[in-house]
């Protein structure tokens, strides 16, 4: 019972950390002249995209990965091929839904590195990550 409770606490901490990372990434993008089109766009059962943004004429579908260390590799390395496929399928749904199928698109990853206390260590925007 205690183990399940502690696992739930860890999950909630990760969830909050992920939400914080997404907010920090959105703020970073706004400061860099991007317009946020969607936060946590969900394409039914096909999946979710953390951020959909427009920078001039390109629509970027962005996966945000937040970490407090590189024990398991860089945050971008956590975007597996399966996750990339999911994001691509969800992106196609977004483009069809919004009538933007002919728009130029890009798939990016934003890495947010946090200190254990939640302070931002770095934010890296990897354009055309996949």
N, C-alpha and C. Protein backbone atom coordinates (compact mmCIF):
# COMPACT_ATOMS: atom_id res chain seq x y z
N UNK A 1 0.82 -1.19 0.00
CA UNK A 1 0.00 0.00 0.00
C UNK A 1 0.87 1.26 0.00
N UNK A 2 1.90 1.28 0.85
CA UNK A 2 2.78 2.44 0.91
C UNK A 2 3.50 2.63 -0.42
N UNK A 3 3.94 1.52 -1.01
CA UNK A 3 4.65 1.62 -2.28
C UNK A 3 3.76 2.25 -3.36
N UNK A 4 2.50 1.80 -3.46
CA UNK A 4 1.61 2.36 -4.46
C UNK A 4 1.39 3.85 -4.23
N UNK A 5 1.24 4.25 -2.96
CA UNK A 5 1.05 5.66 -2.64
C UNK A 5 2.27 6.46 -3.05
N UNK A 6 3.47 5.96 -2.74
CA UNK A 6 4.68 6.70 -3.09
C UNK A 6 4.87 6.75 -4.60
N UNK A 7 4.50 5.69 -5.32
CA UNK A 7 4.58 5.71 -6.78
C UNK A 7 3.65 6.77 -7.35
N UNK A 8 2.47 6.92 -6.73
CA UNK A 8 1.53 7.94 -7.18
C UNK A 8 2.10 9.34 -6.96
N UNK A 9 2.76 9.55 -5.83
CA UNK A 9 3.38 10.84 -5.56
C UNK A 9 4.46 11.15 -6.59
N UNK A 10 5.27 10.16 -6.92
CA UNK A 10 6.31 10.35 -7.92
C UNK A 10 5.67 10.70 -9.26
N UNK A 11 4.60 9.99 -9.63
CA UNK A 11 3.92 10.27 -10.89
C UNK A 11 3.39 11.70 -10.91
N UNK A 12 2.76 12.12 -9.82
CA UNK A 12 2.23 13.47 -9.76
C UNK A 12 3.35 14.50 -9.86
N UNK A 13 4.48 14.23 -9.23
CA UNK A 13 5.61 15.14 -9.34
C UNK A 13 6.09 15.23 -10.78
N UNK A 14 6.17 14.11 -11.46
CA UNK A 14 6.58 14.10 -12.87
C UNK A 14 5.57 14.84 -13.72
N UNK A 15 4.30 14.62 -13.41
CA UNK A 15 3.24 15.29 -14.17
C UNK A 15 3.35 16.80 -14.01
N UNK A 16 3.50 17.25 -12.76
CA UNK A 16 3.65 18.69 -12.50
C UNK A 16 4.91 19.23 -13.17
N UNK A 17 5.98 18.46 -13.13
CA UNK A 17 7.22 18.88 -13.76
C UNK A 17 7.00 19.02 -15.27
N UNK A 18 6.28 18.09 -15.87
CA UNK A 18 5.98 18.16 -17.30
C UNK A 18 5.14 19.38 -17.63
N UNK A 19 4.15 19.66 -16.80
CA UNK A 19 3.31 20.84 -17.02
C UNK A 19 4.12 22.12 -16.90
N UNK A 20 5.02 22.16 -15.93
CA UNK A 20 5.89 23.33 -15.77
C UNK A 20 6.78 23.48 -17.00
N UNK A 21 7.35 22.37 -17.47
CA UNK A 21 8.19 22.42 -18.66
C UNK A 21 7.44 22.93 -19.88
N UNK A 22 6.19 22.50 -20.05
CA UNK A 22 5.39 22.96 -21.18
C UNK A 22 5.09 24.45 -21.07
N UNK A 23 4.83 24.93 -19.87
CA UNK A 23 4.58 26.37 -19.68
C UNK A 23 5.85 27.16 -19.98
N UNK A 24 6.98 26.69 -19.47
CA UNK A 24 8.25 27.37 -19.73
C UNK A 24 8.57 27.38 -21.23
N UNK A 25 8.30 26.27 -21.91
CA UNK A 25 8.54 26.18 -23.35
C UNK A 25 7.65 27.17 -24.10
N UNK A 26 6.37 27.25 -23.71
CA UNK A 26 5.45 28.18 -24.36
C UNK A 26 5.91 29.62 -24.16
N UNK A 27 6.34 29.95 -22.95
CA UNK A 27 6.85 31.30 -22.67
C UNK A 27 8.09 31.60 -23.52
N UNK A 28 8.98 30.62 -23.62
CA UNK A 28 10.19 30.76 -24.43
C UNK A 28 9.83 31.03 -25.90
N UNK A 29 8.86 30.27 -26.42
CA UNK A 29 8.46 30.44 -27.81
C UNK A 29 7.83 31.80 -28.05
N UNK A 30 6.98 32.25 -27.13
CA UNK A 30 6.36 33.57 -27.27
C UNK A 30 7.42 34.67 -27.30
N UNK A 31 8.44 34.53 -26.46
CA UNK A 31 9.52 35.53 -26.44
C UNK A 31 10.31 35.52 -27.74
N UNK A 32 10.24 34.40 -28.47
CA UNK A 32 10.95 34.27 -29.74
C UNK A 32 10.00 34.42 -30.93
N UNK A 33 8.96 35.23 -30.73
CA UNK A 33 8.02 35.62 -31.79
C UNK A 33 7.22 34.49 -32.41
N UNK A 34 6.93 33.47 -31.63
CA UNK A 34 6.05 32.40 -32.10
C UNK A 34 4.66 32.62 -31.53
N UNK A 35 3.67 32.22 -32.29
CA UNK A 35 2.28 32.32 -31.85
C UNK A 35 1.81 30.92 -31.48
N UNK A 36 1.32 30.76 -30.27
CA UNK A 36 0.83 29.47 -29.81
C UNK A 36 -0.55 29.24 -30.42
N UNK A 37 -0.68 28.18 -31.21
CA UNK A 37 -1.97 27.85 -31.81
C UNK A 37 -2.76 26.89 -30.92
N UNK A 38 -2.06 25.95 -30.28
CA UNK A 38 -2.71 24.97 -29.41
C UNK A 38 -1.75 24.52 -28.32
N UNK A 39 -2.30 24.29 -27.15
CA UNK A 39 -1.60 23.63 -26.05
C UNK A 39 -2.24 22.27 -25.87
N UNK A 40 -1.46 21.24 -25.78
CA UNK A 40 -1.96 19.88 -25.55
C UNK A 40 -3.09 19.52 -26.51
N UNK A 41 -2.80 19.65 -27.80
CA UNK A 41 -3.77 19.28 -28.83
C UNK A 41 -3.96 17.77 -28.82
N UNK A 42 -5.20 17.35 -28.69
CA UNK A 42 -5.51 15.92 -28.65
C UNK A 42 -6.28 15.55 -29.91
N UNK A 43 -5.77 14.54 -30.61
CA UNK A 43 -6.41 14.04 -31.83
C UNK A 43 -7.10 12.72 -31.51
N UNK A 44 -8.10 12.78 -30.66
CA UNK A 44 -8.82 11.57 -30.27
C UNK A 44 -7.87 10.53 -29.71
N UNK A 45 -8.00 9.31 -30.20
CA UNK A 45 -7.13 8.21 -29.74
C UNK A 45 -5.76 8.21 -30.40
N UNK A 46 -5.58 9.06 -31.39
CA UNK A 46 -4.31 9.06 -32.13
C UNK A 46 -3.15 9.64 -31.33
N UNK A 47 -3.45 10.49 -30.37
CA UNK A 47 -2.38 11.02 -29.55
C UNK A 47 -2.51 12.50 -29.28
N UNK A 48 -1.46 13.03 -28.67
CA UNK A 48 -1.45 14.41 -28.23
C UNK A 48 -0.16 15.08 -28.66
N UNK A 49 -0.27 16.38 -28.93
CA UNK A 49 0.90 17.20 -29.25
C UNK A 49 0.98 18.27 -28.17
N UNK A 50 2.15 18.40 -27.56
CA UNK A 50 2.30 19.36 -26.46
C UNK A 50 2.00 20.78 -26.90
N UNK A 51 2.66 21.24 -27.96
CA UNK A 51 2.47 22.61 -28.44
C UNK A 51 2.42 22.63 -29.95
N UNK A 52 1.50 23.43 -30.48
CA UNK A 52 1.45 23.70 -31.91
C UNK A 52 1.64 25.20 -32.04
N UNK A 53 2.66 25.60 -32.78
CA UNK A 53 2.97 27.03 -32.89
C UNK A 53 3.17 27.43 -34.35
N UNK A 54 3.07 28.73 -34.57
CA UNK A 54 3.32 29.28 -35.89
C UNK A 54 4.42 30.33 -35.76
N UNK A 55 5.43 30.20 -36.59
CA UNK A 55 6.45 31.25 -36.67
C UNK A 55 6.50 31.68 -38.13
N UNK A 56 5.84 32.76 -38.40
CA UNK A 56 5.66 33.27 -39.76
C UNK A 56 4.83 32.28 -40.57
N UNK A 57 5.43 31.59 -41.53
CA UNK A 57 4.64 30.74 -42.42
C UNK A 57 4.73 29.25 -42.08
N UNK A 58 5.51 28.87 -41.08
CA UNK A 58 5.70 27.46 -40.75
C UNK A 58 4.93 27.09 -39.49
N UNK A 59 4.27 25.94 -39.53
CA UNK A 59 3.60 25.41 -38.35
C UNK A 59 4.52 24.38 -37.73
N UNK A 60 4.81 24.55 -36.46
CA UNK A 60 5.70 23.62 -35.75
C UNK A 60 4.91 22.82 -34.73
N UNK A 61 5.11 21.51 -34.78
CA UNK A 61 4.52 20.59 -33.81
C UNK A 61 5.64 20.24 -32.84
N UNK A 62 5.42 20.56 -31.58
CA UNK A 62 6.53 20.51 -30.62
C UNK A 62 6.25 19.54 -29.48
N UNK A 63 7.20 18.66 -29.26
CA UNK A 63 7.19 17.76 -28.10
C UNK A 63 8.13 18.38 -27.07
N UNK A 64 7.62 18.58 -25.86
CA UNK A 64 8.41 19.16 -24.78
C UNK A 64 8.83 18.05 -23.83
N UNK A 65 10.11 17.97 -23.55
CA UNK A 65 10.63 16.99 -22.60
C UNK A 65 11.35 17.73 -21.49
N UNK A 66 10.93 17.46 -20.27
CA UNK A 66 11.48 18.14 -19.10
C UNK A 66 12.18 17.12 -18.22
N UNK A 67 13.38 17.46 -17.78
CA UNK A 67 14.17 16.56 -16.95
C UNK A 67 14.92 17.35 -15.88
N UNK A 68 15.33 16.62 -14.84
CA UNK A 68 16.17 17.21 -13.80
C UNK A 68 17.59 16.64 -13.86
N UNK A 69 17.85 15.77 -14.81
CA UNK A 69 19.18 15.20 -14.97
C UNK A 69 19.26 14.41 -16.25
N UNK A 70 20.47 13.98 -16.58
CA UNK A 70 20.67 13.22 -17.82
C UNK A 70 21.02 11.77 -17.54
N UNK A 71 20.58 11.29 -16.39
CA UNK A 71 20.87 9.91 -15.99
C UNK A 71 20.41 8.91 -17.06
N UNK A 72 19.29 9.20 -17.70
CA UNK A 72 18.74 8.30 -18.71
C UNK A 72 18.89 8.87 -20.11
N UNK A 73 19.85 9.75 -20.32
CA UNK A 73 20.07 10.36 -21.61
C UNK A 73 19.47 11.75 -21.67
N UNK A 74 19.62 12.39 -22.81
CA UNK A 74 19.07 13.73 -22.96
C UNK A 74 17.56 13.66 -23.08
N UNK A 75 16.88 14.75 -22.79
CA UNK A 75 15.42 14.73 -22.94
C UNK A 75 14.98 14.38 -24.36
N UNK A 76 15.68 14.90 -25.37
CA UNK A 76 15.29 14.62 -26.75
C UNK A 76 15.39 13.14 -27.10
N UNK A 77 16.31 12.43 -26.45
CA UNK A 77 16.46 11.00 -26.72
C UNK A 77 15.24 10.21 -26.26
N UNK A 78 14.41 10.82 -25.42
CA UNK A 78 13.20 10.15 -24.95
C UNK A 78 12.06 10.21 -25.97
N UNK A 79 12.26 10.96 -27.06
CA UNK A 79 11.25 11.02 -28.11
C UNK A 79 11.53 9.87 -29.07
N UNK A 80 10.92 8.75 -28.78
CA UNK A 80 11.17 7.52 -29.53
C UNK A 80 10.53 7.57 -30.92
N UNK A 81 10.89 6.61 -31.75
CA UNK A 81 10.29 6.52 -33.08
C UNK A 81 8.78 6.35 -32.97
N UNK A 82 8.32 5.55 -32.01
CA UNK A 82 6.88 5.36 -31.82
C UNK A 82 6.20 6.68 -31.45
N UNK A 83 6.83 7.47 -30.60
CA UNK A 83 6.27 8.77 -30.22
C UNK A 83 6.26 9.71 -31.42
N UNK A 84 7.30 9.65 -32.23
CA UNK A 84 7.35 10.48 -33.44
C UNK A 84 6.19 10.14 -34.37
N UNK A 85 5.91 8.85 -34.54
CA UNK A 85 4.79 8.42 -35.38
C UNK A 85 3.47 8.96 -34.84
N UNK A 86 3.31 8.88 -33.53
CA UNK A 86 2.09 9.37 -32.89
C UNK A 86 1.92 10.87 -33.14
N UNK A 87 3.00 11.61 -32.98
CA UNK A 87 2.94 13.06 -33.20
C UNK A 87 2.62 13.37 -34.66
N UNK A 88 3.21 12.65 -35.58
CA UNK A 88 2.93 12.87 -37.01
C UNK A 88 1.46 12.63 -37.34
N UNK A 89 0.90 11.55 -36.79
CA UNK A 89 -0.52 11.25 -37.04
C UNK A 89 -1.41 12.34 -36.46
N UNK A 90 -1.11 12.76 -35.25
CA UNK A 90 -1.90 13.82 -34.61
C UNK A 90 -1.75 15.14 -35.38
N UNK A 91 -0.55 15.40 -35.89
CA UNK A 91 -0.32 16.62 -36.67
C UNK A 91 -1.17 16.62 -37.93
N UNK A 92 -1.26 15.49 -38.60
CA UNK A 92 -2.09 15.41 -39.81
C UNK A 92 -3.55 15.71 -39.48
N UNK A 93 -4.03 15.20 -38.35
CA UNK A 93 -5.40 15.50 -37.91
C UNK A 93 -5.57 17.00 -37.69
N UNK A 94 -4.61 17.61 -37.03
CA UNK A 94 -4.66 19.06 -36.77
C UNK A 94 -4.74 19.82 -38.10
N UNK A 95 -3.86 19.48 -39.02
CA UNK A 95 -3.81 20.19 -40.30
C UNK A 95 -5.13 20.04 -41.07
N UNK A 96 -5.69 18.84 -41.08
CA UNK A 96 -6.97 18.62 -41.76
C UNK A 96 -8.09 19.39 -41.08
N UNK A 97 -8.11 19.31 -39.76
CA UNK A 97 -9.16 19.98 -38.97
C UNK A 97 -9.15 21.49 -39.19
N UNK A 98 -7.98 22.07 -39.32
CA UNK A 98 -7.84 23.53 -39.45
C UNK A 98 -7.76 23.99 -40.90
N UNK A 99 -7.81 23.06 -41.85
CA UNK A 99 -7.72 23.42 -43.26
C UNK A 99 -6.34 23.94 -43.64
N UNK A 100 -5.31 23.36 -43.05
CA UNK A 100 -3.93 23.83 -43.27
C UNK A 100 -3.03 22.76 -43.88
N UNK A 101 -3.62 21.82 -44.59
CA UNK A 101 -2.86 20.67 -45.11
C UNK A 101 -1.69 21.09 -46.01
N UNK A 102 -1.83 22.20 -46.71
CA UNK A 102 -0.77 22.64 -47.62
C UNK A 102 0.29 23.51 -46.96
N UNK A 103 0.18 23.74 -45.67
CA UNK A 103 1.13 24.60 -44.95
C UNK A 103 2.46 23.88 -44.73
N UNK A 104 3.56 24.64 -44.77
CA UNK A 104 4.85 24.03 -44.41
C UNK A 104 4.86 23.70 -42.92
N UNK A 105 5.38 22.52 -42.59
CA UNK A 105 5.39 22.08 -41.19
C UNK A 105 6.79 21.64 -40.78
N UNK A 106 6.95 21.57 -39.47
CA UNK A 106 8.22 21.15 -38.89
C UNK A 106 7.91 20.43 -37.58
N UNK A 107 8.75 19.47 -37.22
CA UNK A 107 8.59 18.74 -35.96
C UNK A 107 9.81 19.03 -35.09
N UNK A 108 9.55 19.66 -33.95
CA UNK A 108 10.62 20.12 -33.06
C UNK A 108 10.53 19.42 -31.71
N UNK A 109 11.62 19.50 -30.98
CA UNK A 109 11.65 19.06 -29.58
C UNK A 109 12.21 20.23 -28.77
N UNK A 110 11.59 20.50 -27.65
CA UNK A 110 12.15 21.47 -26.71
C UNK A 110 12.54 20.72 -25.46
N UNK A 111 13.81 20.85 -25.10
CA UNK A 111 14.34 20.23 -23.88
C UNK A 111 14.37 21.29 -22.78
N UNK A 112 13.73 20.97 -21.66
CA UNK A 112 13.76 21.86 -20.50
C UNK A 112 14.49 21.12 -19.39
N UNK A 113 15.60 21.69 -18.96
CA UNK A 113 16.37 21.11 -17.85
C UNK A 113 16.12 21.95 -16.61
N UNK A 114 15.68 21.26 -15.55
CA UNK A 114 15.38 21.94 -14.29
C UNK A 114 16.31 21.46 -13.20
N UNK A 115 16.60 22.35 -12.27
CA UNK A 115 17.30 21.96 -11.04
C UNK A 115 16.29 21.23 -10.16
N UNK A 116 16.75 20.52 -9.17
CA UNK A 116 15.86 19.78 -8.27
C UNK A 116 14.84 20.70 -7.60
N UNK A 117 15.20 21.98 -7.40
CA UNK A 117 14.29 22.92 -6.76
C UNK A 117 13.31 23.56 -7.74
N UNK A 118 13.39 23.18 -9.02
CA UNK A 118 12.46 23.70 -10.02
C UNK A 118 12.97 24.89 -10.81
N UNK A 119 14.14 25.39 -10.47
CA UNK A 119 14.71 26.51 -11.24
C UNK A 119 15.19 26.02 -12.60
N UNK A 120 15.04 26.87 -13.59
CA UNK A 120 15.42 26.52 -14.96
C UNK A 120 16.93 26.55 -15.12
N UNK A 121 17.49 25.43 -15.58
CA UNK A 121 18.91 25.37 -15.91
C UNK A 121 19.13 25.74 -17.37
N UNK A 122 18.28 25.18 -18.26
CA UNK A 122 18.41 25.49 -19.68
C UNK A 122 17.14 25.11 -20.43
N UNK A 123 16.96 25.80 -21.55
CA UNK A 123 15.89 25.46 -22.50
C UNK A 123 16.55 25.39 -23.87
N UNK A 124 16.43 24.25 -24.53
CA UNK A 124 17.01 24.05 -25.86
C UNK A 124 15.90 23.75 -26.85
N UNK A 125 15.88 24.48 -27.95
CA UNK A 125 14.88 24.28 -29.00
C UNK A 125 15.56 23.59 -30.17
N UNK A 126 15.20 22.34 -30.40
CA UNK A 126 15.78 21.56 -31.50
C UNK A 126 14.79 21.57 -32.65
N UNK A 127 15.07 22.39 -33.66
CA UNK A 127 14.18 22.50 -34.82
C UNK A 127 14.44 21.33 -35.76
N UNK A 128 13.39 20.89 -36.44
CA UNK A 128 13.48 19.75 -37.36
C UNK A 128 14.10 18.54 -36.69
N UNK A 129 13.67 18.26 -35.47
CA UNK A 129 14.24 17.16 -34.69
C UNK A 129 13.96 15.80 -35.32
N UNK A 130 12.84 15.70 -36.02
CA UNK A 130 12.50 14.44 -36.71
C UNK A 130 11.59 14.70 -37.87
